Amino acid sequence: MGPFMGRAAKPVVFILCLLPLAWLAWRATSGGLGANPIEATNRYLGDWGLRFLLMVLAVTPFAGLSGWKGVFRVRRMLGLFAFTYVLLHLTSYVVLDHFFSWRDIWADIVKRNFITVGMVNVVLLTPLAATSTNAMVRRLGARRWRMVHRLVYVIGILGVVHFYMMVKADVREPLVYAAILALLLGWRVAAAWRRRRGRRPAASARP
């Protein structure tokens, strides 16, 4: 595992992250997007945006359970791909679904709650992507940078809510995502509780 997570890791992960786009392109050119290709494209990109968000949130639990710290090297890349797929999801909505009709888009944002939640999520994701570089970490300072990037928890929750509200009948798939998110966030709560509990004896022993 160690050698793999060295030089080869990032290029391999980068290629793997592009595979969903390659598959979408293949489906689009081969007529595999069904009767409503615009809706299929938008839904597909949104699904992958949410999946990448969950991958980002899974990095810390995976490292904690496996002891494989090298996975942290690709977390930033996964986060940027999450933003990329969400941005493509938004772009398909603006360009393909509404063809830059800003009046209709604004009406959607105001009247349709799941669109409102989705737009809020794009706004929250933007500062995370903008501050993903080492230079921004130094400029903000590690503490403030961590505070900004804790928004990912809210973004994950809103992403699942957006998906759930969008589905009109069969909610099984968004509920699966909700269960995965609950496990990932629950692991963090449990880990924080264990750390706090582990510090209590030392604190109580002080004069």
N, C-alpha and C. Protein backbone atom coordinates (compact mmCIF):
# COMPACT_ATOMS: atom_id res chain seq x y z
N MET A 1 0.82 -1.21 0.00
CA MET A 1 0.00 0.00 0.00
C MET A 1 0.86 1.27 0.00
N GLY A 2 1.96 1.26 0.78
CA GLY A 2 2.79 2.45 0.88
C GLY A 2 3.33 2.92 -0.44
N PRO A 3 4.01 2.07 -1.23
CA PRO A 3 4.53 2.51 -2.52
C PRO A 3 3.46 3.00 -3.47
N PHE A 4 2.27 2.34 -3.44
CA PHE A 4 1.20 2.77 -4.34
C PHE A 4 0.76 4.18 -4.03
N MET A 5 0.69 4.51 -2.72
CA MET A 5 0.24 5.84 -2.34
C MET A 5 1.35 6.88 -2.49
N GLY A 6 2.40 6.55 -3.23
CA GLY A 6 3.46 7.50 -3.51
C GLY A 6 3.21 8.21 -4.82
N ARG A 7 4.14 8.03 -5.75
CA ARG A 7 4.07 8.78 -7.00
C ARG A 7 2.88 8.40 -7.86
N ALA A 8 2.50 7.11 -7.85
CA ALA A 8 1.46 6.65 -8.78
C ALA A 8 0.07 6.97 -8.31
N ALA A 9 -0.11 7.25 -7.02
CA ALA A 9 -1.46 7.36 -6.46
C ALA A 9 -2.29 8.45 -7.14
N LYS A 10 -1.76 9.66 -7.17
CA LYS A 10 -2.56 10.78 -7.67
C LYS A 10 -2.93 10.64 -9.15
N PRO A 11 -1.99 10.27 -10.03
CA PRO A 11 -2.40 10.07 -11.42
C PRO A 11 -3.46 8.98 -11.58
N VAL A 12 -3.32 7.89 -10.83
CA VAL A 12 -4.30 6.80 -10.94
C VAL A 12 -5.67 7.27 -10.45
N VAL A 13 -5.70 7.93 -9.30
CA VAL A 13 -6.97 8.43 -8.76
C VAL A 13 -7.57 9.47 -9.69
N PHE A 14 -6.74 10.32 -10.26
CA PHE A 14 -7.22 11.34 -11.20
C PHE A 14 -7.93 10.68 -12.39
N ILE A 15 -7.33 9.65 -12.95
CA ILE A 15 -7.94 8.95 -14.09
C ILE A 15 -9.24 8.28 -13.67
N LEU A 16 -9.23 7.66 -12.49
CA LEU A 16 -10.45 7.00 -12.01
C LEU A 16 -11.59 8.01 -11.82
N CYS A 17 -11.24 9.20 -11.35
CA CYS A 17 -12.26 10.22 -11.13
C CYS A 17 -12.85 10.74 -12.44
N LEU A 18 -12.11 10.60 -13.54
CA LEU A 18 -12.61 11.03 -14.84
C LEU A 18 -13.48 9.98 -15.53
N LEU A 19 -13.43 8.75 -15.04
CA LEU A 19 -14.17 7.68 -15.69
C LEU A 19 -15.68 7.93 -15.77
N PRO A 20 -16.31 8.48 -14.72
CA PRO A 20 -17.75 8.78 -14.86
C PRO A 20 -18.06 9.73 -16.02
N LEU A 21 -17.17 10.71 -16.26
CA LEU A 21 -17.38 11.62 -17.39
C LEU A 21 -17.21 10.89 -18.71
N ALA A 22 -16.23 9.99 -18.76
CA ALA A 22 -16.02 9.22 -19.99
C ALA A 22 -17.23 8.34 -20.28
N TRP A 23 -17.79 7.75 -19.22
CA TRP A 23 -18.98 6.91 -19.39
C TRP A 23 -20.18 7.74 -19.85
N LEU A 24 -20.32 8.94 -19.29
CA LEU A 24 -21.40 9.82 -19.72
C LEU A 24 -21.25 10.20 -21.18
N ALA A 25 -20.03 10.51 -21.60
CA ALA A 25 -19.78 10.85 -23.00
C ALA A 25 -20.12 9.67 -23.92
N TRP A 26 -19.76 8.47 -23.49
CA TRP A 26 -20.08 7.29 -24.29
C TRP A 26 -21.59 7.10 -24.42
N ARG A 27 -22.30 7.25 -23.32
CA ARG A 27 -23.76 7.11 -23.35
C ARG A 27 -24.39 8.18 -24.23
N ALA A 28 -23.86 9.41 -24.16
CA ALA A 28 -24.43 10.51 -24.95
C ALA A 28 -24.23 10.27 -26.44
N THR A 29 -23.08 9.74 -26.83
CA THR A 29 -22.80 9.53 -28.25
C THR A 29 -23.40 8.24 -28.80
N SER A 30 -23.77 7.34 -27.91
CA SER A 30 -24.34 6.06 -28.36
C SER A 30 -25.85 5.98 -28.16
N GLY A 31 -26.47 7.11 -27.76
CA GLY A 31 -27.91 7.13 -27.57
C GLY A 31 -28.37 6.39 -26.33
N GLY A 32 -27.50 6.34 -25.31
CA GLY A 32 -27.84 5.58 -24.11
C GLY A 32 -28.39 6.40 -22.97
N LEU A 33 -28.82 7.62 -23.23
CA LEU A 33 -29.34 8.48 -22.16
C LEU A 33 -30.85 8.46 -22.06
N GLY A 34 -31.49 7.62 -22.86
CA GLY A 34 -32.94 7.46 -22.74
C GLY A 34 -33.75 8.52 -23.44
N ALA A 35 -35.03 8.57 -23.09
CA ALA A 35 -35.97 9.46 -23.77
C ALA A 35 -35.75 10.92 -23.39
N ASN A 36 -35.18 11.17 -22.22
CA ASN A 36 -34.94 12.55 -21.78
C ASN A 36 -33.46 12.70 -21.44
N PRO A 37 -32.60 12.90 -22.44
CA PRO A 37 -31.16 12.94 -22.20
C PRO A 37 -30.72 14.10 -21.32
N ILE A 38 -31.43 15.21 -21.37
CA ILE A 38 -31.05 16.36 -20.54
C ILE A 38 -31.24 16.03 -19.07
N GLU A 39 -32.39 15.48 -18.74
CA GLU A 39 -32.65 15.10 -17.35
C GLU A 39 -31.68 14.01 -16.89
N ALA A 40 -31.41 13.05 -17.77
CA ALA A 40 -30.48 11.97 -17.42
C ALA A 40 -29.09 12.51 -17.15
N THR A 41 -28.64 13.45 -17.98
CA THR A 41 -27.32 14.05 -17.79
C THR A 41 -27.25 14.81 -16.48
N ASN A 42 -28.27 15.62 -16.22
CA ASN A 42 -28.28 16.41 -14.99
C ASN A 42 -28.29 15.53 -13.76
N ARG A 43 -29.12 14.51 -13.78
CA ARG A 43 -29.21 13.59 -12.64
C ARG A 43 -27.89 12.83 -12.45
N TYR A 44 -27.30 12.38 -13.53
CA TYR A 44 -26.05 11.62 -13.47
C TYR A 44 -24.93 12.44 -12.84
N LEU A 45 -24.78 13.69 -13.28
CA LEU A 45 -23.73 14.56 -12.75
C LEU A 45 -23.98 14.89 -11.28
N GLY A 46 -25.24 15.11 -10.92
CA GLY A 46 -25.56 15.36 -9.52
C GLY A 46 -25.27 14.16 -8.64
N ASP A 47 -25.61 12.97 -9.13
CA ASP A 47 -25.32 11.75 -8.38
C ASP A 47 -23.83 11.62 -8.09
N TRP A 48 -23.01 11.88 -9.11
CA TRP A 48 -21.58 11.73 -8.92
C TRP A 48 -21.01 12.84 -8.04
N GLY A 49 -21.58 14.02 -8.09
CA GLY A 49 -21.16 15.07 -7.17
C GLY A 49 -21.37 14.64 -5.73
N LEU A 50 -22.54 14.05 -5.44
CA LEU A 50 -22.83 13.57 -4.09
C LEU A 50 -21.93 12.41 -3.71
N ARG A 51 -21.68 11.51 -4.64
CA ARG A 51 -20.79 10.37 -4.36
C ARG A 51 -19.39 10.83 -4.01
N PHE A 52 -18.88 11.81 -4.73
CA PHE A 52 -17.54 12.31 -4.41
C PHE A 52 -17.51 13.02 -3.06
N LEU A 53 -18.59 13.71 -2.72
CA LEU A 53 -18.66 14.31 -1.39
C LEU A 53 -18.58 13.25 -0.30
N LEU A 54 -19.29 12.15 -0.50
CA LEU A 54 -19.25 11.06 0.48
C LEU A 54 -17.86 10.41 0.51
N MET A 55 -17.20 10.33 -0.64
CA MET A 55 -15.83 9.80 -0.66
C MET A 55 -14.91 10.68 0.19
N VAL A 56 -15.06 12.00 0.05
CA VAL A 56 -14.24 12.91 0.84
C VAL A 56 -14.47 12.67 2.32
N LEU A 57 -15.73 12.55 2.71
CA LEU A 57 -16.06 12.33 4.12
C LEU A 57 -15.63 10.94 4.60
N ALA A 58 -15.44 10.02 3.67
CA ALA A 58 -15.04 8.66 4.04
C ALA A 58 -13.54 8.53 4.27
N VAL A 59 -12.76 9.51 3.85
CA VAL A 59 -11.31 9.39 3.93
C VAL A 59 -10.84 9.25 5.38
N THR A 60 -11.31 10.12 6.26
CA THR A 60 -10.88 10.08 7.65
C THR A 60 -11.29 8.80 8.37
N PRO A 61 -12.56 8.38 8.28
CA PRO A 61 -12.91 7.08 8.88
C PRO A 61 -12.12 5.91 8.32
N PHE A 62 -11.90 5.93 7.00
CA PHE A 62 -11.13 4.85 6.37
C PHE A 62 -9.71 4.82 6.92
N ALA A 63 -9.09 5.98 7.02
CA ALA A 63 -7.73 6.04 7.55
C ALA A 63 -7.68 5.60 9.01
N GLY A 64 -8.69 6.01 9.78
CA GLY A 64 -8.73 5.63 11.19
C GLY A 64 -8.93 4.15 11.41
N LEU A 65 -9.78 3.54 10.59
CA LEU A 65 -10.07 2.11 10.76
C LEU A 65 -8.98 1.23 10.18
N SER A 66 -8.37 1.68 9.09
CA SER A 66 -7.38 0.85 8.40
C SER A 66 -5.95 1.14 8.83
N GLY A 67 -5.72 2.33 9.38
CA GLY A 67 -4.37 2.74 9.70
C GLY A 67 -3.56 3.18 8.50
N TRP A 68 -4.21 3.29 7.35
CA TRP A 68 -3.54 3.65 6.09
C TRP A 68 -3.65 5.16 5.88
N LYS A 69 -2.66 5.88 6.38
CA LYS A 69 -2.70 7.35 6.35
C LYS A 69 -2.43 7.92 4.97
N GLY A 70 -1.86 7.12 4.08
CA GLY A 70 -1.55 7.63 2.74
C GLY A 70 -2.76 8.08 1.96
N VAL A 71 -3.95 7.61 2.36
CA VAL A 71 -5.17 7.99 1.63
C VAL A 71 -5.43 9.49 1.74
N PHE A 72 -4.88 10.14 2.78
CA PHE A 72 -5.08 11.58 2.92
C PHE A 72 -4.47 12.36 1.76
N ARG A 73 -3.54 11.74 1.04
CA ARG A 73 -2.89 12.43 -0.07
C ARG A 73 -3.83 12.71 -1.23
N VAL A 74 -4.90 11.95 -1.33
CA VAL A 74 -5.82 12.16 -2.45
C VAL A 74 -7.13 12.82 -2.01
N ARG A 75 -7.25 13.18 -0.74
CA ARG A 75 -8.51 13.77 -0.27
C ARG A 75 -8.80 15.10 -0.95
N ARG A 76 -7.76 15.93 -1.10
CA ARG A 76 -7.98 17.23 -1.75
C ARG A 76 -8.46 17.04 -3.19
N MET A 77 -7.86 16.07 -3.89
CA MET A 77 -8.27 15.80 -5.26
C MET A 77 -9.72 15.35 -5.33
N LEU A 78 -10.11 14.48 -4.40
CA LEU A 78 -11.50 14.02 -4.36
C LEU A 78 -12.45 15.20 -4.11
N GLY A 79 -12.04 16.11 -3.23
CA GLY A 79 -12.87 17.27 -2.96
C GLY A 79 -13.02 18.17 -4.18
N LEU A 80 -11.94 18.36 -4.92
CA LEU A 80 -12.02 19.18 -6.13
C LEU A 80 -12.87 18.51 -7.21
N PHE A 81 -12.81 17.19 -7.28
CA PHE A 81 -13.69 16.49 -8.22
C PHE A 81 -15.14 16.56 -7.78
N ALA A 82 -15.38 16.54 -6.48
CA ALA A 82 -16.75 16.73 -5.99
C ALA A 82 -17.29 18.08 -6.46
N PHE A 83 -16.47 19.13 -6.29
CA PHE A 83 -16.87 20.46 -6.75
C PHE A 83 -17.06 20.48 -8.25
N THR A 84 -16.19 19.81 -9.00
CA THR A 84 -16.28 19.79 -10.46
C THR A 84 -17.58 19.16 -10.92
N TYR A 85 -17.93 18.02 -10.33
CA TYR A 85 -19.17 17.35 -10.76
C TYR A 85 -20.41 18.14 -10.34
N VAL A 86 -20.35 18.76 -9.17
CA VAL A 86 -21.47 19.61 -8.76
C VAL A 86 -21.59 20.81 -9.69
N LEU A 87 -20.46 21.39 -10.07
CA LEU A 87 -20.49 22.54 -10.99
C LEU A 87 -21.01 22.13 -12.36
N LEU A 88 -20.64 20.94 -12.82
CA LEU A 88 -21.16 20.44 -14.10
C LEU A 88 -22.66 20.16 -13.98
N HIS A 89 -23.07 19.69 -12.83
CA HIS A 89 -24.50 19.47 -12.56
C HIS A 89 -25.27 20.79 -12.68
N LEU A 90 -24.71 21.83 -12.06
CA LEU A 90 -25.32 23.16 -12.15
C LEU A 90 -25.29 23.68 -13.58
N THR A 91 -24.18 23.49 -14.27
CA THR A 91 -24.05 23.97 -15.65
C THR A 91 -25.06 23.30 -16.57
N SER A 92 -25.26 22.01 -16.39
CA SER A 92 -26.24 21.31 -17.23
C SER A 92 -27.65 21.84 -16.96
N TYR A 93 -27.92 22.20 -15.71
CA TYR A 93 -29.22 22.78 -15.36
C TYR A 93 -29.40 24.14 -16.02
N VAL A 94 -28.36 24.98 -15.94
CA VAL A 94 -28.45 26.34 -16.48
C VAL A 94 -28.47 26.33 -18.01
N VAL A 95 -27.59 25.54 -18.62
CA VAL A 95 -27.41 25.59 -20.07
C VAL A 95 -28.38 24.67 -20.80
N LEU A 96 -28.43 23.40 -20.40
CA LEU A 96 -29.23 22.43 -21.14
C LEU A 96 -30.71 22.49 -20.77
N ASP A 97 -30.96 22.67 -19.48
CA ASP A 97 -32.36 22.64 -19.03
C ASP A 97 -33.07 23.97 -19.26
N HIS A 98 -32.36 25.09 -19.02
CA HIS A 98 -33.00 26.40 -19.12
C HIS A 98 -32.37 27.32 -20.16
N PHE A 99 -31.30 26.90 -20.77
CA PHE A 99 -30.64 27.66 -21.83
C PHE A 99 -30.46 29.13 -21.44
N PHE A 100 -29.86 29.35 -20.26
CA PHE A 100 -29.50 30.67 -19.75
C PHE A 100 -30.72 31.58 -19.53
N SER A 101 -31.89 31.00 -19.32
CA SER A 101 -33.06 31.82 -19.02
C SER A 101 -33.03 32.16 -17.53
N TRP A 102 -32.37 33.27 -17.19
CA TRP A 102 -32.16 33.59 -15.79
C TRP A 102 -33.47 33.87 -15.07
N ARG A 103 -34.47 34.35 -15.76
CA ARG A 103 -35.77 34.59 -15.12
C ARG A 103 -36.38 33.27 -14.67
N ASP A 104 -36.34 32.25 -15.54
CA ASP A 104 -36.88 30.95 -15.17
C ASP A 104 -36.05 30.29 -14.07
N ILE A 105 -34.74 30.47 -14.15
CA ILE A 105 -33.86 29.90 -13.12
C ILE A 105 -34.16 30.52 -11.77
N TRP A 106 -34.31 31.84 -11.73
CA TRP A 106 -34.62 32.51 -10.47
C TRP A 106 -35.98 32.06 -9.94
N ALA A 107 -36.95 31.91 -10.83
CA ALA A 107 -38.26 31.43 -10.41
C ALA A 107 -38.16 30.03 -9.81
N ASP A 108 -37.31 29.17 -10.40
CA ASP A 108 -37.08 27.83 -9.86
C ASP A 108 -36.48 27.90 -8.46
N ILE A 109 -35.49 28.77 -8.29
CA ILE A 109 -34.82 28.89 -6.99
C ILE A 109 -35.80 29.31 -5.92
N VAL A 110 -36.69 30.24 -6.26
CA VAL A 110 -37.63 30.77 -5.28
C VAL A 110 -38.75 29.77 -4.98
N LYS A 111 -39.26 29.08 -6.00
CA LYS A 111 -40.47 28.27 -5.84
C LYS A 111 -40.21 26.81 -5.51
N ARG A 112 -39.08 26.28 -5.95
CA ARG A 112 -38.82 24.85 -5.78
C ARG A 112 -37.74 24.66 -4.73
N ASN A 113 -38.15 24.08 -3.60
CA ASN A 113 -37.26 24.01 -2.45
C ASN A 113 -35.98 23.22 -2.73
N PHE A 114 -36.08 22.15 -3.50
CA PHE A 114 -34.88 21.35 -3.73
C PHE A 114 -33.87 22.10 -4.60
N ILE A 115 -34.36 23.00 -5.47
CA ILE A 115 -33.44 23.85 -6.24
C ILE A 115 -32.77 24.85 -5.31
N THR A 116 -33.53 25.42 -4.37
CA THR A 116 -32.97 26.36 -3.40
C THR A 116 -31.85 25.70 -2.61
N VAL A 117 -32.10 24.49 -2.12
CA VAL A 117 -31.09 23.78 -1.33
C VAL A 117 -29.86 23.49 -2.19
N GLY A 118 -30.08 23.10 -3.44
CA GLY A 118 -28.97 22.82 -4.33
C GLY A 118 -28.10 24.05 -4.58
N MET A 119 -28.74 25.20 -4.78
CA MET A 119 -27.99 26.42 -5.01
C MET A 119 -27.19 26.83 -3.77
N VAL A 120 -27.80 26.66 -2.61
CA VAL A 120 -27.07 26.95 -1.36
C VAL A 120 -25.84 26.08 -1.27
N ASN A 121 -25.97 24.83 -1.65
CA ASN A 121 -24.83 23.92 -1.59
C ASN A 121 -23.70 24.35 -2.53
N VAL A 122 -24.05 24.82 -3.71
CA VAL A 122 -23.02 25.31 -4.64
C VAL A 122 -22.29 26.50 -4.03
N VAL A 123 -23.04 27.40 -3.41
CA VAL A 123 -22.43 28.57 -2.78
C VAL A 123 -21.48 28.14 -1.66
N LEU A 124 -21.89 27.16 -0.85
CA LEU A 124 -21.05 26.71 0.25
C LEU A 124 -19.82 25.95 -0.23
N LEU A 125 -19.96 25.24 -1.34
CA LEU A 125 -18.83 24.48 -1.87
C LEU A 125 -17.75 25.38 -2.47
N THR A 126 -18.15 26.53 -2.98
CA THR A 126 -17.21 27.39 -3.70
C THR A 126 -16.02 27.84 -2.85
N PRO A 127 -16.23 28.32 -1.61
CA PRO A 127 -15.06 28.71 -0.81
C PRO A 127 -14.15 27.53 -0.46
N LEU A 128 -14.71 26.33 -0.36
CA LEU A 128 -13.88 25.16 -0.08
C LEU A 128 -12.95 24.87 -1.25
N ALA A 129 -13.49 24.97 -2.46
CA ALA A 129 -12.66 24.76 -3.65
C ALA A 129 -11.63 25.88 -3.80
N ALA A 130 -12.05 27.12 -3.50
CA ALA A 130 -11.15 28.27 -3.68
C ALA A 130 -10.01 28.28 -2.68
N THR A 131 -10.20 27.62 -1.52
CA THR A 131 -9.16 27.61 -0.48
C THR A 131 -8.48 26.25 -0.38
N SER A 132 -8.48 25.50 -1.45
CA SER A 132 -7.94 24.14 -1.41
C SER A 132 -6.43 24.07 -1.63
N THR A 133 -5.82 25.20 -1.98
CA THR A 133 -4.38 25.19 -2.28
C THR A 133 -3.56 25.37 -1.00
N ASN A 134 -2.29 24.97 -1.07
CA ASN A 134 -1.38 25.15 0.06
C ASN A 134 -1.19 26.63 0.38
N ALA A 135 -1.20 27.46 -0.66
CA ALA A 135 -1.03 28.90 -0.44
C ALA A 135 -2.18 29.46 0.38
N MET A 136 -3.41 28.99 0.12
CA MET A 136 -4.56 29.47 0.89
C MET A 136 -4.54 28.96 2.32
N VAL A 137 -4.02 27.75 2.51
CA VAL A 137 -3.88 27.23 3.88
C VAL A 137 -2.95 28.15 4.67
N ARG A 138 -1.83 28.53 4.06
CA ARG A 138 -0.88 29.43 4.74
C ARG A 138 -1.49 30.81 4.97
N ARG A 139 -2.24 31.29 3.99
CA ARG A 139 -2.82 32.63 4.11
C ARG A 139 -3.87 32.69 5.20
N LEU A 140 -4.73 31.67 5.26
CA LEU A 140 -5.79 31.65 6.26
C LEU A 140 -5.28 31.23 7.64
N GLY A 141 -4.24 30.42 7.65
CA GLY A 141 -3.82 29.80 8.90
C GLY A 141 -4.56 28.49 9.07
N ALA A 142 -3.89 27.53 9.67
CA ALA A 142 -4.45 26.18 9.76
C ALA A 142 -5.79 26.16 10.49
N ARG A 143 -5.90 26.93 11.58
CA ARG A 143 -7.12 26.90 12.37
C ARG A 143 -8.31 27.44 11.58
N ARG A 144 -8.16 28.60 10.98
CA ARG A 144 -9.26 29.18 10.20
C ARG A 144 -9.57 28.32 8.97
N TRP A 145 -8.53 27.74 8.37
CA TRP A 145 -8.75 26.88 7.20
C TRP A 145 -9.60 25.67 7.59
N ARG A 146 -9.30 25.05 8.73
CA ARG A 146 -10.10 23.91 9.20
C ARG A 146 -11.53 24.32 9.47
N MET A 147 -11.73 25.49 10.03
CA MET A 147 -13.08 25.97 10.32
C MET A 147 -13.88 26.13 9.03
N VAL A 148 -13.25 26.70 7.99
CA VAL A 148 -13.94 26.86 6.71
C VAL A 148 -14.30 25.50 6.13
N HIS A 149 -13.37 24.56 6.20
CA HIS A 149 -13.58 23.27 5.55
C HIS A 149 -14.48 22.34 6.34
N ARG A 150 -14.86 22.72 7.55
CA ARG A 150 -15.88 21.97 8.27
C ARG A 150 -17.26 22.16 7.65
N LEU A 151 -17.37 23.12 6.75
CA LEU A 151 -18.62 23.28 6.00
C LEU A 151 -18.97 22.02 5.21
N VAL A 152 -17.97 21.17 4.97
CA VAL A 152 -18.24 19.96 4.18
C VAL A 152 -19.29 19.09 4.85
N TYR A 153 -19.39 19.13 6.19
CA TYR A 153 -20.41 18.34 6.88
C TYR A 153 -21.80 18.87 6.53
N VAL A 154 -21.94 20.19 6.56
CA VAL A 154 -23.24 20.80 6.19
C VAL A 154 -23.55 20.52 4.73
N ILE A 155 -22.53 20.62 3.89
CA ILE A 155 -22.72 20.39 2.45
C ILE A 155 -23.17 18.96 2.19
N GLY A 156 -22.57 18.01 2.88
CA GLY A 156 -22.99 16.62 2.72
C GLY A 156 -24.44 16.41 3.09
N ILE A 157 -24.85 17.00 4.22
CA ILE A 157 -26.24 16.87 4.67
C ILE A 157 -27.19 17.51 3.66
N LEU A 158 -26.86 18.73 3.23
CA LEU A 158 -27.72 19.42 2.26
C LEU A 158 -27.76 18.69 0.92
N GLY A 159 -26.66 18.04 0.54
CA GLY A 159 -26.65 17.26 -0.70
C GLY A 159 -27.64 16.12 -0.65
N VAL A 160 -27.67 15.42 0.47
CA VAL A 160 -28.63 14.32 0.64
C VAL A 160 -30.06 14.86 0.68
N VAL A 161 -30.25 15.98 1.38
CA VAL A 161 -31.59 16.59 1.45
C VAL A 161 -32.05 17.01 0.06
N HIS A 162 -31.16 17.61 -0.71
CA HIS A 162 -31.47 18.02 -2.08
C HIS A 162 -31.92 16.82 -2.91
N PHE A 163 -31.20 15.73 -2.81
CA PHE A 163 -31.53 14.52 -3.56
C PHE A 163 -32.88 13.98 -3.11
N TYR A 164 -33.10 13.92 -1.80
CA TYR A 164 -34.36 13.38 -1.27
C TYR A 164 -35.55 14.23 -1.72
N MET A 165 -35.41 15.55 -1.67
CA MET A 165 -36.51 16.43 -2.06
C MET A 165 -36.78 16.36 -3.56
N MET A 166 -35.73 16.08 -4.34
CA MET A 166 -35.89 16.03 -5.79
C MET A 166 -36.66 14.80 -6.23
N VAL A 167 -36.47 13.69 -5.51
CA VAL A 167 -37.13 12.43 -5.88
C VAL A 167 -38.58 12.51 -5.45
N LYS A 168 -39.46 12.23 -6.37
CA LYS A 168 -40.89 12.40 -6.08
C LYS A 168 -41.57 11.12 -5.58
N ALA A 169 -41.04 9.97 -5.92
CA ALA A 169 -41.73 8.73 -5.56
C ALA A 169 -40.81 7.77 -4.82
N ASP A 170 -39.87 7.18 -5.53
CA ASP A 170 -39.00 6.17 -4.96
C ASP A 170 -37.82 6.84 -4.24
N VAL A 171 -37.87 6.84 -2.92
CA VAL A 171 -36.84 7.54 -2.14
C VAL A 171 -35.78 6.57 -1.60
N ARG A 172 -35.77 5.35 -2.09
CA ARG A 172 -34.81 4.37 -1.54
C ARG A 172 -33.37 4.80 -1.77
N GLU A 173 -33.05 5.29 -2.97
CA GLU A 173 -31.67 5.65 -3.25
C GLU A 173 -31.17 6.80 -2.37
N PRO A 174 -31.93 7.92 -2.25
CA PRO A 174 -31.45 8.97 -1.34
C PRO A 174 -31.36 8.51 0.11
N LEU A 175 -32.21 7.56 0.51
CA LEU A 175 -32.12 7.04 1.87
C LEU A 175 -30.85 6.22 2.07
N VAL A 176 -30.40 5.55 1.02
CA VAL A 176 -29.12 4.83 1.10
C VAL A 176 -27.98 5.82 1.32
N TYR A 177 -28.00 6.92 0.55
CA TYR A 177 -26.98 7.95 0.72
C TYR A 177 -27.06 8.55 2.13
N ALA A 178 -28.28 8.75 2.61
CA ALA A 178 -28.47 9.30 3.96
C ALA A 178 -27.88 8.36 5.01
N ALA A 179 -28.07 7.06 4.83
CA ALA A 179 -27.53 6.10 5.78
C ALA A 179 -26.01 6.10 5.77
N ILE A 180 -25.42 6.18 4.58
CA ILE A 180 -23.96 6.24 4.47
C ILE A 180 -23.43 7.50 5.15
N LEU A 181 -24.09 8.63 4.88
CA LEU A 181 -23.67 9.89 5.49
C LEU A 181 -23.79 9.81 7.01
N ALA A 182 -24.86 9.21 7.52
CA ALA A 182 -25.05 9.07 8.96
C ALA A 182 -23.93 8.24 9.58
N LEU A 183 -23.51 7.19 8.90
CA LEU A 183 -22.41 6.37 9.40
C LEU A 183 -21.11 7.16 9.43
N LEU A 184 -20.84 7.93 8.38
CA LEU A 184 -19.60 8.70 8.31
C LEU A 184 -19.56 9.80 9.37
N LEU A 185 -20.67 10.48 9.57
CA LEU A 185 -20.71 11.51 10.59
C LEU A 185 -20.74 10.90 11.98
N GLY A 186 -21.45 9.78 12.13
CA GLY A 186 -21.48 9.09 13.41
C GLY A 186 -20.11 8.61 13.85
N TRP A 187 -19.30 8.16 12.90
CA TRP A 187 -17.94 7.74 13.23
C TRP A 187 -17.16 8.91 13.80
N ARG A 188 -17.32 10.10 13.23
CA ARG A 188 -16.60 11.27 13.71
C ARG A 188 -17.05 11.64 15.12
N VAL A 189 -18.36 11.58 15.36
CA VAL A 189 -18.86 11.90 16.70
C VAL A 189 -18.29 10.92 17.73
N ALA A 190 -18.30 9.63 17.38
CA ALA A 190 -17.78 8.62 18.29
C ALA A 190 -16.28 8.81 18.53
N ALA A 191 -15.53 9.13 17.46
CA ALA A 191 -14.09 9.34 17.60
C ALA A 191 -13.80 10.55 18.49
N ALA A 192 -14.57 11.62 18.32
CA ALA A 192 -14.38 12.82 19.15
C ALA A 192 -14.71 12.51 20.61
N TRP A 193 -15.75 11.72 20.83
CA TRP A 193 -16.13 11.34 22.19
C TRP A 193 -15.04 10.50 22.85
N ARG A 194 -14.43 9.58 22.08
CA ARG A 194 -13.35 8.76 22.63
C ARG A 194 -12.12 9.60 22.97
N ARG A 195 -11.81 10.58 22.09
CA ARG A 195 -10.67 11.45 22.38
C ARG A 195 -10.90 12.26 23.65
N ARG A 196 -12.11 12.79 23.78
CA ARG A 196 -12.41 13.57 24.98
C ARG A 196 -12.37 12.70 26.23
N ARG A 197 -12.90 11.51 26.13
CA ARG A 197 -12.89 10.59 27.26
C ARG A 197 -11.47 10.20 27.63
N GLY A 198 -10.60 10.03 26.61
CA GLY A 198 -9.21 9.66 26.86
C GLY A 198 -8.43 10.76 27.54
N ARG A 199 -8.85 12.03 27.37
CA ARG A 199 -8.12 13.14 27.99
C ARG A 199 -8.57 13.41 29.42
N ARG A 200 -9.75 12.90 29.80
CA ARG A 200 -10.29 13.23 31.12
C ARG A 200 -9.41 12.78 32.29
N PRO A 201 -8.90 11.54 32.30
CA PRO A 201 -8.07 11.15 33.46
C PRO A 201 -6.86 12.02 33.66
N ALA A 202 -6.17 12.37 32.53
CA ALA A 202 -4.99 13.23 32.63
C ALA A 202 -5.36 14.60 33.16
N ALA A 203 -6.49 15.11 32.72
CA ALA A 203 -6.92 16.44 33.16
C ALA A 203 -7.27 16.43 34.64
N SER A 204 -7.96 15.35 35.10
CA SER A 204 -8.39 15.29 36.48
C SER A 204 -7.22 15.05 37.42
N ALA A 205 -6.09 14.51 36.89
CA ALA A 205 -4.94 14.22 37.74
C ALA A 205 -4.10 15.46 38.01
N ARG A 206 -4.37 16.52 37.29
CA ARG A 206 -3.58 17.74 37.50
C ARG A 206 -3.97 18.42 38.82
N PRO A 207 -3.01 19.03 39.52
CA PRO A 207 -3.32 19.72 40.78
C PRO A 207 -4.16 20.95 40.55
